[in-house]
C-alpha atoms as a PDB file:
ATOM      1  CA  MET A   1      -0.674  20.218  -4.168  1.00  0.00           C
ATOM      2  CA  ILE A   2       2.931  19.446  -5.699  1.00  0.00           C
ATOM      3  CA  GLU A   3       3.154  18.519  -9.129  1.00  0.00           C
ATOM      4  CA  LEU A   4       5.994  16.550 -10.654  1.00  0.00           C
ATOM      5  CA  LYS A   5       6.316  16.396 -14.842  1.00  0.00           C
ATOM      6  CA  SER A   6       8.731  14.322 -16.975  1.00  0.00           C
ATOM      7  CA  GLY A   7       8.148  14.184 -20.633  1.00  0.00           C
ATOM      8  CA  GLY A   8       4.199  13.718 -21.273  1.00  0.00           C
ATOM      9  CA  ALA A   9       3.337  12.517 -17.432  1.00  0.00           C
ATOM     10  CA  SER A  10       2.428  14.227 -14.392  1.00  0.00           C
ATOM     11  CA  LEU A  11       2.240  13.229 -10.780  1.00  0.00           C
ATOM     12  CA  GLY A  12       0.300  15.364  -8.345  1.00  0.00           C
ATOM     13  CA  VAL A  13       1.240  14.580  -4.466  1.00  0.00           C
ATOM     14  CA  ASP A  14      -0.219  16.259  -1.306  1.00  0.00           C
ATOM     15  CA  PRO A  15       2.057  16.234   1.299  1.00  0.00           C
ATOM     16  CA  ALA A  16      -0.840  17.595   3.701  1.00  0.00           C
ATOM     17  CA  LEU A  17      -3.160  14.670   3.003  1.00  0.00           C
ATOM     18  CA  GLY A  18      -0.810  11.761   4.100  1.00  0.00           C
ATOM     19  CA  GLY A  19       1.745  12.258   1.390  1.00  0.00           C
ATOM     20  CA  ALA A  20      -0.892  10.923  -1.038  1.00  0.00           C
ATOM     21  CA  VAL A  21      -1.101  10.654  -4.656  1.00  0.00           C
ATOM     22  CA  LEU A  22      -4.016  12.922  -6.103  1.00  0.00           C
ATOM     23  CA  HIS A  23      -3.196  11.879  -9.932  1.00  0.00           C
ATOM     24  CA  TRP A  24      -0.782  10.196 -11.926  1.00  0.00           C
ATOM     25  CA  HIS A  25      -1.080  11.097 -15.913  1.00  0.00           C
ATOM     26  CA  LEU A  26       0.489  10.140 -19.139  1.00  0.00           C
ATOM     27  CA  GLY A  27      -0.644  11.791 -22.260  1.00  0.00           C
ATOM     28  CA  GLY A  28      -3.707  13.018 -20.756  1.00  0.00           C
ATOM     29  CA  GLU A  29      -4.728   9.414 -19.429  1.00  0.00           C
ATOM     30  CA  ALA A  30      -5.374   8.907 -15.926  1.00  0.00           C
ATOM     31  CA  LEU A  31      -3.408   6.066 -14.820  1.00  0.00           C
ATOM     32  CA  PHE A  32      -4.278   6.133 -11.032  1.00  0.00           C
ATOM     33  CA  HIS A  33      -8.033   6.360 -10.345  1.00  0.00           C
ATOM     34  CA  PRO A  34      -8.826   8.962  -7.621  1.00  0.00           C
ATOM     35  CA  VAL A  35     -11.308   7.474  -4.567  1.00  0.00           C
ATOM     36  CA  SER A  36     -13.052   8.742  -2.099  1.00  0.00           C
ATOM     37  CA  ASP A  37     -13.348   6.562   0.890  1.00  0.00           C
ATOM     38  CA  ALA A  38     -15.519   7.862   3.871  1.00  0.00           C
ATOM     39  CA  ASN A  39     -14.172   5.242   6.299  1.00  0.00           C
ATOM     40  CA  LEU A  40     -10.662   6.629   6.007  1.00  0.00           C
ATOM     41  CA  ILE A  41     -11.573   9.547   8.092  1.00  0.00           C
ATOM     42  CA  ALA A  42      -8.255  11.274   8.071  1.00  0.00           C
ATOM     43  CA  GLN A  43      -8.817  11.794   4.320  1.00  0.00           C
ATOM     44  CA  LYS A  44     -11.920  14.256   4.722  1.00  0.00           C
ATOM     45  CA  LEU A  45     -13.364  12.427   1.696  1.00  0.00           C
ATOM     46  CA  ARG A  46     -10.665  13.809  -0.741  1.00  0.00           C
ATOM     47  CA  PRO A  47     -10.372  11.708  -3.800  1.00  0.00           C
ATOM     48  CA  VAL A  48      -6.806  10.084  -3.775  1.00  0.00           C
ATOM     49  CA  GLY A  49      -5.064   7.913  -6.567  1.00  0.00           C
ATOM     50  CA  GLY A  50      -3.103   5.974  -4.081  1.00  0.00           C
ATOM     51  CA  TYR A  51      -1.247   6.578  -0.393  1.00  0.00           C
ATOM     52  CA  PRO A  52       1.515   5.004   1.582  1.00  0.00           C
ATOM     53  CA  LEU A  53       1.267   2.506   3.934  1.00  0.00           C
ATOM     54  CA  VAL A  54       3.484   2.729   7.007  1.00  0.00           C
ATOM     55  CA  PRO A  55       4.603   1.430   9.544  1.00  0.00           C
ATOM     56  CA  PHE A  56       2.439  -1.440   8.719  1.00  0.00           C
ATOM     57  CA  SER A  57      -0.322  -2.670   5.824  1.00  0.00           C
ATOM     58  CA  ASN A  58      -3.752  -3.654   6.067  1.00  0.00           C
ATOM     59  CA  ARG A  59      -5.258  -4.143   9.532  1.00  0.00           C
ATOM     60  CA  ILE A  60      -4.628  -5.105  12.943  1.00  0.00           C
ATOM     61  CA  GLY A  61      -7.391  -6.701  14.648  1.00  0.00           C
ATOM     62  CA  ASN A  62      -9.258  -4.531  16.884  1.00  0.00           C
ATOM     63  CA  GLY A  63      -6.147  -2.411  16.999  1.00  0.00           C
ATOM     64  CA  CYS A  64      -4.673  -5.014  19.586  1.00  0.00           C
ATOM     65  CA  PHE A  65      -1.120  -6.704  19.618  1.00  0.00           C
ATOM     66  CA  THR A  66       1.692  -8.230  21.622  1.00  0.00           C
ATOM     67  CA  PHE A  67       5.264  -7.616  20.976  1.00  0.00           C
ATOM     68  CA  GLU A  68       8.279  -8.837  22.795  1.00  0.00           C
ATOM     69  CA  GLY A  69       5.558  -9.295  26.026  1.00  0.00           C
ATOM     70  CA  THR A  70       3.831  -5.889  25.872  1.00  0.00           C
ATOM     71  CA  THR A  71       0.188  -5.233  24.828  1.00  0.00           C
ATOM     72  CA  TYR A  72      -0.538  -2.210  22.921  1.00  0.00           C
ATOM     73  CA  GLN A  73      -3.574  -0.545  21.576  1.00  0.00           C
ATOM     74  CA  LEU A  74      -4.111   1.382  18.831  1.00  0.00           C
ATOM     75  CA  ASP A  75      -6.636   3.732  18.022  1.00  0.00           C
ATOM     76  CA  ARG A  76      -9.589   2.908  15.560  1.00  0.00           C
ATOM     77  CA  ASN A  77      -8.841   4.793  12.218  1.00  0.00           C
ATOM     78  CA  PHE A  78     -11.089   3.145   9.828  1.00  0.00           C
ATOM     79  CA  ALA A  79     -14.938   4.159  10.438  1.00  0.00           C
ATOM     80  CA  SER A  80     -16.779   1.009   9.451  1.00  0.00           C
ATOM     81  CA  GLU A  81     -14.357  -1.417  11.306  1.00  0.00           C
ATOM     82  CA  PRO A  82     -12.968  -1.891  14.970  1.00  0.00           C
ATOM     83  CA  HIS A  83      -9.339  -2.625  13.563  1.00  0.00           C
ATOM     84  CA  ALA A  84      -6.588  -0.218  13.132  1.00  0.00           C
ATOM     85  CA  ILE A  85      -5.846   0.030   9.362  1.00  0.00           C
ATOM     86  CA  HIS A  86      -2.827   0.927   6.916  1.00  0.00           C
ATOM     87  CA  GLY A  87      -0.674   2.528   9.624  1.00  0.00           C
ATOM     88  CA  ASN A  88      -0.601   6.178  10.364  1.00  0.00           C
ATOM     89  CA  GLY A  89       1.363   7.372   7.532  1.00  0.00           C
ATOM     90  CA  TRP A  90      -1.902   8.510   5.488  1.00  0.00           C
ATOM     91  CA  GLU A  91      -3.169  10.026   8.725  1.00  0.00           C
ATOM     92  CA  ARG A  92      -0.334  12.769   8.906  1.00  0.00           C
ATOM     93  CA  VAL A  93       0.897  15.929   7.373  1.00  0.00           C
ATOM     94  CA  TRP A  94       4.552  15.052   5.734  1.00  0.00           C
ATOM     95  CA  ASP A  95       7.477  17.403   5.074  1.00  0.00           C
ATOM     96  CA  VAL A  96       8.852  18.308   2.082  1.00  0.00           C
ATOM     97  CA  ALA A  97      12.827  17.157   2.473  1.00  0.00           C
ATOM     98  CA  SER A  98      13.521  17.939  -1.447  1.00  0.00           C
ATOM     99  CA  GLN A  99      12.092  18.683  -4.392  1.00  0.00           C
ATOM    100  CA  SER A 100      12.900  18.852  -8.271  1.00  0.00           C
ATOM    101  CA  ALA A 101      10.790  18.842 -11.508  1.00  0.00           C
ATOM    102  CA  SER A 102      10.547  15.009 -11.564  1.00  0.00           C
ATOM    103  CA  GLU A 103      11.407  13.759  -8.052  1.00  0.00           C
ATOM    104  CA  LEU A 104       9.882  14.525  -4.438  1.00  0.00           C
ATOM    105  CA  VAL A 105      11.100  13.259  -1.252  1.00  0.00           C
ATOM    106  CA  LEU A 106       8.717  13.667   1.875  1.00  0.00           C
ATOM    107  CA  MET A 107       9.458  13.131   5.403  1.00  0.00           C
ATOM    108  CA  LEU A 108       7.516  11.914   8.344  1.00  0.00           C
ATOM    109  CA  ASP A 109       8.820  12.049  12.204  1.00  0.00           C
ATOM    110  CA  HIS A 110       6.661  10.166  14.572  1.00  0.00           C
ATOM    111  CA  GLN A 111       7.665  10.858  17.810  1.00  0.00           C
ATOM    112  CA  PRO A 112       5.491   9.563  20.845  1.00  0.00           C
ATOM    113  CA  PRO A 113       4.256  11.005  23.509  1.00  0.00           C
ATOM    114  CA  ARG A 114       4.532  14.234  21.432  1.00  0.00           C
ATOM    115  CA  ASP A 115       2.686  12.218  18.689  1.00  0.00           C
ATOM    116  CA  PRO A 116      -0.100  10.222  19.528  1.00  0.00           C
ATOM    117  CA  ALA A 117       0.931   6.724  20.879  1.00  0.00           C
ATOM    118  CA  GLY A 118      -2.458   5.429  19.951  1.00  0.00           C
ATOM    119  CA  GLN A 119      -1.598   5.841  16.113  1.00  0.00           C
ATOM    120  CA  TRP A 120       1.735   3.928  16.844  1.00  0.00           C
ATOM    121  CA  PRO A 121       3.755   3.048  19.950  1.00  0.00           C
ATOM    122  CA  PHE A 122       7.114   3.172  18.565  1.00  0.00           C
ATOM    123  CA  ALA A 123       9.122   6.360  17.199  1.00  0.00           C
ATOM    124  CA  TYR A 124      10.291   6.051  13.774  1.00  0.00           C
ATOM    125  CA  ARG A 125      11.287   8.366  10.639  1.00  0.00           C
ATOM    126  CA  ALA A 126       9.778   7.518   7.344  1.00  0.00           C
ATOM    127  CA  THR A 127      10.923   9.070   4.117  1.00  0.00           C
ATOM    128  CA  LEU A 128       8.639   8.775   0.634  1.00  0.00           C
ATOM    129  CA  THR A 129      10.028   9.312  -2.456  1.00  0.00           C
ATOM    130  CA  TYR A 130       8.205   9.901  -5.712  1.00  0.00           C
ATOM    131  CA  ARG A 131      10.436   9.573  -8.756  1.00  0.00           C
ATOM    132  CA  LEU A 132       8.588  10.188 -12.167  1.00  0.00           C
ATOM    133  CA  ALA A 133      10.637   9.480 -15.508  1.00  0.00           C
ATOM    134  CA  GLY A 134       8.159   9.922 -18.301  1.00  0.00           C
ATOM    135  CA  ASP A 135       6.403   6.308 -18.611  1.00  0.00           C
ATOM    136  CA  SER A 136       7.417   4.931 -15.241  1.00  0.00           C
ATOM    137  CA  LEU A 137       6.579   6.313 -11.338  1.00  0.00           C
ATOM    138  CA  THR A 138       8.924   4.776  -8.600  1.00  0.00           C
ATOM    139  CA  ILE A 139       8.108   4.924  -5.091  1.00  0.00           C
ATOM    140  CA  VAL A 140      10.593   4.591  -2.502  1.00  0.00           C
ATOM    141  CA  MET A 141       9.749   4.085   1.212  1.00  0.00           C
ATOM    142  CA  HIS A 142      12.290   4.185   3.914  1.00  0.00           C
ATOM    143  CA  ILE A 143      11.790   3.884   7.809  1.00  0.00           C
ATOM    144  CA  LYS A 144      14.061   4.524  10.556  1.00  0.00           C
ATOM    145  CA  ASN A 145      13.487   3.034  14.058  1.00  0.00           C
ATOM    146  CA  ARG A 146      14.048   6.066  16.382  1.00  0.00           C
ATOM    147  CA  ASP A 147      12.939   4.636  19.431  1.00  0.00           C
ATOM    148  CA  THR A 148      15.135   2.514  22.300  1.00  0.00           C
ATOM    149  CA  ARG A 149      13.132  -0.654  21.431  1.00  0.00           C
ATOM    150  CA  ASN A 150      13.076  -2.918  18.802  1.00  0.00           C
ATOM    151  CA  GLN A 151      10.127  -2.169  16.785  1.00  0.00           C
ATOM    152  CA  PRO A 152       7.907  -4.381  14.192  1.00  0.00           C
ATOM    153  CA  VAL A 153       7.290  -2.896  10.778  1.00  0.00           C
ATOM    154  CA  GLY A 154       5.822  -2.978   7.534  1.00  0.00           C
ATOM    155  CA  MET A 155       5.335  -0.825   4.399  1.00  0.00           C
ATOM    156  CA  GLY A 156       3.627  -0.720   0.912  1.00  0.00           C
ATOM    157  CA  PHE A 157       1.472   1.385  -1.231  1.00  0.00           C
ATOM    158  CA  HIS A 158      -2.036   1.725  -2.309  1.00  0.00           C
ATOM    159  CA  PRO A 159      -2.873   2.557  -5.589  1.00  0.00           C
ATOM    160  CA  PHE A 160      -6.122   2.512  -7.179  1.00  0.00           C
ATOM    161  CA  PHE A 161      -6.429   1.662 -10.784  1.00  0.00           C
ATOM    162  CA  PRO A 162      -9.522   2.482 -12.974  1.00  0.00           C
ATOM    163  CA  ARG A 163     -11.618  -0.543 -13.602  1.00  0.00           C
ATOM    164  CA  ASN A 164     -13.531  -1.248 -16.871  1.00  0.00           C
ATOM    165  CA  ARG A 165     -15.405  -4.109 -18.712  1.00  0.00           C
ATOM    166  CA  ASP A 166     -11.978  -5.375 -20.156  1.00  0.00           C
ATOM    167  CA  LEU A 167      -9.514  -4.844 -17.369  1.00  0.00           C
ATOM    168  CA  GLN A 168      -7.335  -8.118 -17.018  1.00  0.00           C
ATOM    169  CA  LEU A 169      -4.632  -8.979 -14.409  1.00  0.00           C
ATOM    170  CA  GLY A 170      -2.028 -11.303 -14.241  1.00  0.00           C
ATOM    171  CA  PHE A 171       0.495 -12.435 -11.314  1.00  0.00           C
ATOM    172  CA  LYS A 172       1.744 -15.278  -9.563  1.00  0.00           C
ATOM    173  CA  ALA A 173       1.945 -15.870  -6.002  1.00  0.00           C
ATOM    174  CA  GLU A 174       1.872 -19.333  -3.743  1.00  0.00           C
ATOM    175  CA  SER A 175      -1.241 -18.603  -1.436  1.00  0.00           C
ATOM    176  CA  VAL A 176      -3.559 -16.751  -0.530  1.00  0.00           C
ATOM    177  CA  TRP A 177      -5.327 -15.521   2.871  1.00  0.00           C
ATOM    178  CA  ILE A 178      -9.035 -16.410   3.010  1.00  0.00           C
ATOM    179  CA  SER A 179     -10.814 -13.932   5.544  1.00  0.00           C
ATOM    180  CA  GLY A 180     -13.400 -14.345   7.904  1.00  0.00           C
ATOM    181  CA  ASP A 181     -16.649 -11.857   8.350  1.00  0.00           C
ATOM    182  CA  ASP A 182     -14.353  -9.607  10.716  1.00  0.00           C
ATOM    183  CA  ASN A 183     -11.987  -9.489   7.621  1.00  0.00           C
ATOM    184  CA  LEU A 184      -9.028 -10.818   9.085  1.00  0.00           C
ATOM    185  CA  PRO A 185      -7.037 -13.601   7.704  1.00  0.00           C
ATOM    186  CA  ARG A 186      -8.581 -17.092   8.680  1.00  0.00           C
ATOM    187  CA  LYS A 187      -7.288 -19.721   6.519  1.00  0.00           C
ATOM    188  CA  GLN A 188      -4.366 -20.059   3.729  1.00  0.00           C
ATOM    189  CA  VAL A 189      -5.001 -22.031   0.566  1.00  0.00           C
ATOM    190  CA  ALA A 190      -3.360 -22.828  -2.580  1.00  0.00           C
ATOM    191  CA  VAL A 191      -3.740 -20.170  -5.457  1.00  0.00           C
ATOM    192  CA  ASP A 192      -6.257 -21.669  -8.000  1.00  0.00           C
ATOM    193  CA  GLY A 193      -9.554 -21.401  -9.664  1.00  0.00           C
ATOM    194  CA  HIS A 194     -11.351 -18.095  -8.893  1.00  0.00           C
ATOM    195  CA  TRP A 195      -7.959 -16.972  -6.941  1.00  0.00           C
ATOM    196  CA  SER A 196      -5.618 -17.652  -9.681  1.00  0.00           C
ATOM    197  CA  PHE A 197      -4.530 -14.856 -12.060  1.00  0.00           C
ATOM    198  CA  SER A 198      -1.858 -16.983 -13.701  1.00  0.00           C
ATOM    199  CA  PRO A 199      -2.116 -16.774 -16.700  1.00  0.00           C
ATOM    200  CA  GLU A 200      -3.465 -13.289 -16.844  1.00  0.00           C
ATOM    201  CA  ARG A 201      -7.354 -13.011 -17.117  1.00  0.00           C
ATOM    202  CA  PRO A 202     -10.027 -10.522 -16.837  1.00  0.00           C
ATOM    203  CA  VAL A 203     -10.852  -9.201 -13.443  1.00  0.00           C
ATOM    204  CA  GLY A 204     -14.965  -8.986 -14.545  1.00  0.00           C
ATOM    205  CA  ARG A 205     -17.223  -8.840 -11.681  1.00  0.00           C
ATOM    206  CA  ASP A 206     -15.038 -10.760  -8.972  1.00  0.00           C
ATOM    207  CA  ALA A 207     -15.260  -9.739  -5.649  1.00  0.00           C
ATOM    208  CA  ILE A 208     -11.861  -9.984  -4.092  1.00  0.00           C
ATOM    209  CA  ASP A 209     -10.313  -8.388  -1.028  1.00  0.00           C
ATOM    210  CA  ASN A 210      -7.588 -10.752   0.154  1.00  0.00           C
ATOM    211  CA  CYS A 211      -3.775 -10.896   0.797  1.00  0.00           C
ATOM    212  CA  TYR A 212      -2.007 -13.248  -1.224  1.00  0.00           C
ATOM    213  CA  ALA A 213       1.583 -14.783   0.102  1.00  0.00           C
ATOM    214  CA  GLY A 214       4.618 -15.635  -1.724  1.00  0.00           C
ATOM    215  CA  TRP A 215       3.927 -12.858  -4.739  1.00  0.00           C
ATOM    216  CA  ASP A 216       6.967 -13.343  -6.921  1.00  0.00           C
ATOM    217  CA  GLY A 217       7.287  -9.585  -7.366  1.00  0.00           C
ATOM    218  CA  THR A 218       5.414  -8.606 -10.932  1.00  0.00           C
ATOM    219  CA  ALA A 219       1.902  -8.227 -11.596  1.00  0.00           C
ATOM    220  CA  ASP A 220       0.373  -6.842 -15.062  1.00  0.00           C
ATOM    221  CA  ILE A 221      -2.895  -4.600 -15.338  1.00  0.00           C
ATOM    222  CA  THR A 222      -3.879  -4.437 -18.856  1.00  0.00           C
ATOM    223  CA  TRP A 223      -6.490  -2.490 -20.780  1.00  0.00           C
ATOM    224  CA  PRO A 224      -6.868  -4.246 -24.461  1.00  0.00           C
ATOM    225  CA  SER A 225      -9.474  -1.979 -25.453  1.00  0.00           C
ATOM    226  CA  GLN A 226      -6.922   1.206 -24.571  1.00  0.00           C
ATOM    227  CA  GLN A 227      -3.903  -0.531 -25.546  1.00  0.00           C
ATOM    228  CA  ARG A 228      -2.457  -0.136 -22.288  1.00  0.00           C
ATOM    229  CA  ARG A 229      -0.598  -2.096 -19.566  1.00  0.00           C
ATOM    230  CA  ILE A 230       0.904  -1.192 -16.097  1.00  0.00           C
ATOM    231  CA  VAL A 231       3.583  -3.330 -15.047  1.00  0.00           C
ATOM    232  CA  ILE A 232       4.274  -3.605 -11.178  1.00  0.00           C
ATOM    233  CA  GLU A 233       7.713  -4.466  -9.708  1.00  0.00           C
ATOM    234  CA  GLY A 234       8.507  -4.726  -6.364  1.00  0.00           C
ATOM    235  CA  SER A 235      11.617  -5.106  -4.212  1.00  0.00           C
ATOM    236  CA  PRO A 236      12.460  -8.368  -2.468  1.00  0.00           C
ATOM    237  CA  ALA A 237      10.975  -7.755   0.664  1.00  0.00           C
ATOM    238  CA  LEU A 238       7.472  -7.074  -0.970  1.00  0.00           C
ATOM    239  CA  ARG A 239       6.212 -10.576  -1.321  1.00  0.00           C
ATOM    240  CA  HIS A 240       2.419  -9.955  -0.429  1.00  0.00           C
ATOM    241  CA  PHE A 241      -0.022  -8.741  -2.444  1.00  0.00           C
ATOM    242  CA  VAL A 242      -3.072  -7.419  -1.647  1.00  0.00           C
ATOM    243  CA  LEU A 243      -5.898  -7.521  -4.265  1.00  0.00           C
ATOM    244  CA  TYR A 244      -9.110  -5.763  -3.541  1.00  0.00           C
ATOM    245  CA  THR A 245     -11.939  -5.718  -6.520  1.00  0.00           C
ATOM    246  CA  PRO A 246     -14.988  -4.074  -5.332  1.00  0.00           C
ATOM    247  CA  PRO A 247     -18.064  -5.592  -7.032  1.00  0.00           C
ATOM    248  CA  GLY A 248     -19.876  -2.535  -9.224  1.00  0.00           C
ATOM    249  CA  LEU A 249     -17.288   0.068  -8.496  1.00  0.00           C
ATOM    250  CA  ASP A 250     -15.111   1.489 -10.880  1.00  0.00           C
ATOM    251  CA  PHE A 251     -11.654   0.504  -9.815  1.00  0.00           C
ATOM    252  CA  ILE A 252      -9.257  -2.063  -8.283  1.00  0.00           C
ATOM    253  CA  ALA A 253      -6.488  -1.860  -5.849  1.00  0.00           C
ATOM    254  CA  CYS A 254      -3.335  -3.991  -6.224  1.00  0.00           C
ATOM    255  CA  GLU A 255      -1.060  -3.321  -3.192  1.00  0.00           C
ATOM    256  CA  ALA A 256       2.766  -4.565  -3.169  1.00  0.00           C
ATOM    257  CA  VAL A 257       3.277  -4.831   0.545  1.00  0.00           C
ATOM    258  CA  SER A 258       5.627  -6.556   3.142  1.00  0.00           C
ATOM    259  CA  ASN A 259       3.166  -7.945   5.428  1.00  0.00           C
ATOM    260  CA  MET A 260       0.604 -10.191   5.372  1.00  0.00           C
ATOM    261  CA  ASN A 261      -3.040  -8.647   6.894  1.00  0.00           C
ATOM    262  CA  ASN A 262      -2.901  -8.828  10.697  1.00  0.00           C
ATOM    263  CA  ALA A 263       0.646  -9.887  10.637  1.00  0.00           C
ATOM    264  CA  LEU A 264       1.657  -8.340  14.233  1.00  0.00           C
ATOM    265  CA  ASN A 265      -0.813 -10.923  15.718  1.00  0.00           C
ATOM    266  CA  HIS A 266       0.734 -14.242  13.823  1.00  0.00           C
ATOM    267  CA  PRO A 267       4.364 -14.067  15.178  1.00  0.00           C
ATOM    268  CA  GLU A 268       3.839 -18.112  14.603  1.00  0.00           C
ATOM    269  CA  LEU A 269       4.206 -17.579  10.848  1.00  0.00           C
ATOM    270  CA  PRO A 270       7.498 -17.463   9.641  1.00  0.00           C
ATOM    271  CA  ASP A 271       6.418 -15.792   6.512  1.00  0.00           C
ATOM    272  CA  ASN A 272       4.249 -13.040   8.106  1.00  0.00           C
ATOM    273  CA  GLY A 273       6.336 -10.349   6.455  1.00  0.00           C
ATOM    274  CA  THR A 274       7.142  -8.597   9.577  1.00  0.00           C
ATOM    275  CA  HIS A 275      10.287  -6.986   9.824  1.00  0.00           C
ATOM    276  CA  VAL A 276      12.023  -6.286  13.464  1.00  0.00           C
ATOM    277  CA  ILE A 277      14.696  -3.407  13.289  1.00  0.00           C
ATOM    278  CA  VAL A 278      16.426  -2.752  16.343  1.00  0.00           C
ATOM    279  CA  PRO A 279      17.119   0.993  17.526  1.00  0.00           C
ATOM    280  CA  GLY A 280      18.917   3.274  14.523  1.00  0.00           C
ATOM    281  CA  GLU A 281      18.116   0.275  12.217  1.00  0.00           C
ATOM    282  CA  THR A 282      16.414   1.092   8.885  1.00  0.00           C
ATOM    283  CA  PHE A 283      14.092  -0.765   6.407  1.00  0.00           C
ATOM    284  CA  GLU A 284      13.345   0.206   2.642  1.00  0.00           C
ATOM    285  CA  VAL A 285      11.329  -0.878  -0.178  1.00  0.00           C
ATOM    286  CA  THR A 286      10.425  -0.131  -3.579  1.00  0.00           C
ATOM    287  CA  THR A 287       7.831  -0.371  -6.310  1.00  0.00           C
ATOM    288  CA  THR A 288       7.973   0.455  -9.745  1.00  0.00           C
ATOM    289  CA  TYR A 289       5.155   0.905 -12.319  1.00  0.00           C
ATOM    290  CA  ARG A 290       5.799   1.055 -15.880  1.00  0.00           C
ATOM    291  CA  VAL A 291       3.487   2.023 -18.703  1.00  0.00           C
ATOM    292  CA  LEU A 292       3.775   0.063 -21.934  1.00  0.00           C
ATOM    293  CA  SER A 293       1.911  -0.307 -25.026  1.00  0.00           C
ATOM    294  CA  VAL A 294       0.294  -3.442 -26.264  1.00  0.00           C
END
């Protein structure tokens, strides 16, 4: 583990575990909530507080997609489902490109056929920067197309937050995708009623595992009993927001991401969030988490 420090904050990162955050603490309080998920085979049951999603977010249905006339089959990497999930960055060992007391830059080169094409068929180089500054954490993700072909990509970060009875959440989005029994999006509906978190409201016992579209780029997570709030800010390309509030468990996930779930199988949707980068081109997103007192 590599530990960054700034003021009263510390951030633990494991480059060998998919570049995952093991902990983020401020003044002795845990801001991310480490979770062990047996479905994520490559994490080997180690609890993680957050991890990068590259070169796509969430699911690709049955691991299969067609792009520019060619059909690709990805390996299954999620034990309980037939889909490919969360890209392959979380499955790999990242190299340390640079390090200081409060900043860490990791790099991952994916080069088929040297590296498994079943993880992702295109060559890319990704960089992952963690920047700790007292009461804020900034995560910058950058991908470069090192293939000879155009490449469809998406990115984001998957953090877990502690869930208690008074946890409140607030954000605005234009629509939300309703999923079928296969956990893939089926129907896009307006954000109202059960789906709405504007204005901010308690999460309570909500059971949500859905992707919102047209996210305005900010979200507030508040713990009134602890007088603490975390504000999530996403850069312009991050206009999808995955919310996961599993019933009966002590965490939620709020993921600022660029693409909708199963985006590569919905090329007909202009707002699916897939970014096509030509050889040599790059794509970058930034997420900042700011801690406030309330």
